[in-house]
């Protein structure tokens, strides 16, 4: 799970981090109980893991959409430059 989080968040470009700042904070809030209150004896671990994986996947989807939009914008700018 941490590997997926790391791949999703730490591969962002600086401008993407700024654009997705609120989404990153939301994602971190979902993971926060794992830093503070959960331990190996906690009963809610399966739900916590499910919530984390769901939040990470939702963040990845948003990241993909941002990158797709960025690519389209770059293509449009290039075509304007070449016109």
Protein backbone atom coordinates (compact mmCIF):
# COMPACT_ATOMS: atom_id res chain seq x y z
CA UNK A 1 0.00 0.00 0.00
CA UNK A 2 2.82 2.42 0.84
CA UNK A 3 4.48 1.60 -2.45
CA UNK A 4 1.29 2.55 -4.30
CA UNK A 5 1.03 5.79 -2.32
CA UNK A 6 4.66 6.60 -3.01
CA UNK A 7 4.25 5.95 -6.73
CA UNK A 8 1.08 8.02 -6.89
CA UNK A 9 2.30 11.06 -4.94
CA UNK A 10 6.07 11.23 -5.20
CA UNK A 11 6.17 10.96 -8.99
CA UNK A 12 4.24 14.21 -9.41
CA UNK A 13 5.85 17.19 -11.09
CA UNK A 14 6.03 20.34 -8.94
CA UNK A 15 3.19 21.99 -10.85
CA UNK A 16 1.06 18.86 -10.46
CA UNK A 17 1.73 18.86 -6.71
CA UNK A 18 0.50 22.43 -6.51
CA UNK A 19 -2.56 21.68 -8.64
CA UNK A 20 -3.42 18.55 -6.65
CA UNK A 21 -2.51 19.92 -3.21
CA UNK A 22 -6.06 19.56 -1.85
CA UNK A 23 -6.38 16.02 -3.22
CA UNK A 24 -3.04 15.06 -1.65
CA UNK A 25 -4.19 16.43 1.71
CA UNK A 26 -7.43 14.45 1.40
CA UNK A 27 -5.45 11.30 0.62
CA UNK A 28 -3.16 11.91 3.59
CA UNK A 29 -6.18 12.30 5.89
CA UNK A 30 -7.37 8.83 4.84
CA UNK A 31 -3.95 7.37 5.70
CA UNK A 32 -3.58 9.33 8.95
CA UNK A 33 -5.16 6.72 11.28
CA UNK A 34 -2.37 4.32 10.31
CA UNK A 35 0.17 6.80 11.66
CA UNK A 36 -1.62 7.57 14.89
CA UNK A 37 -4.18 5.17 16.24
CA UNK A 38 -3.99 1.78 14.52
CA UNK A 39 -1.72 -1.01 15.65
CA UNK A 40 -1.52 -4.74 14.92
CA UNK A 41 -4.25 -5.45 17.49
CA UNK A 42 -6.73 -2.96 16.00
CA UNK A 43 -9.96 -4.47 14.75
CA UNK A 44 -10.49 -1.96 11.96
CA UNK A 45 -7.38 -2.77 9.95
CA UNK A 46 -9.17 -4.45 6.99
CA UNK A 47 -11.50 -1.46 6.61
CA UNK A 48 -8.58 0.94 6.95
CA UNK A 49 -6.65 -0.88 4.22
CA UNK A 50 -9.70 -0.92 1.93
CA UNK A 51 -10.26 2.80 2.46
CA UNK A 52 -6.60 3.58 1.81
CA UNK A 53 -6.43 1.53 -1.38
CA UNK A 54 -9.65 3.10 -2.62
CA UNK A 55 -8.35 6.61 -1.91
CA UNK A 56 -5.02 5.86 -3.60
CA UNK A 57 -6.78 4.52 -6.69
CA UNK A 58 -9.06 7.55 -6.84
CA UNK A 59 -6.02 9.81 -6.60
CA UNK A 60 -4.30 7.86 -9.39
CA UNK A 61 -7.36 8.33 -11.60
CA UNK A 62 -7.31 12.08 -10.99
CA UNK A 63 -3.58 12.16 -11.69
CA UNK A 64 -4.13 10.34 -15.01
CA UNK A 65 -6.83 12.83 -16.00
CA UNK A 66 -4.56 15.77 -15.15
CA UNK A 67 -1.72 14.30 -17.21
CA UNK A 68 -4.05 13.58 -20.13
CA UNK A 69 -5.36 17.16 -20.04
CA UNK A 70 -1.80 18.47 -19.81
CA UNK A 71 -0.87 16.52 -22.91
CA UNK A 72 -3.86 17.85 -24.83
CA UNK A 73 -3.06 21.43 -23.79
CA UNK A 74 0.57 21.00 -24.86
CA UNK A 75 -0.58 19.67 -28.26
CA UNK A 76 -2.91 22.64 -28.74
CA UNK A 77 -0.16 25.12 -27.81
CA UNK A 78 2.26 23.45 -30.24
CA UNK A 79 -0.29 23.60 -33.06
CA UNK A 80 -0.88 27.30 -32.34
CA UNK A 81 2.88 27.94 -32.36
CA UNK A 82 3.26 26.18 -35.69
CA UNK A 83 0.31 27.96 -37.34
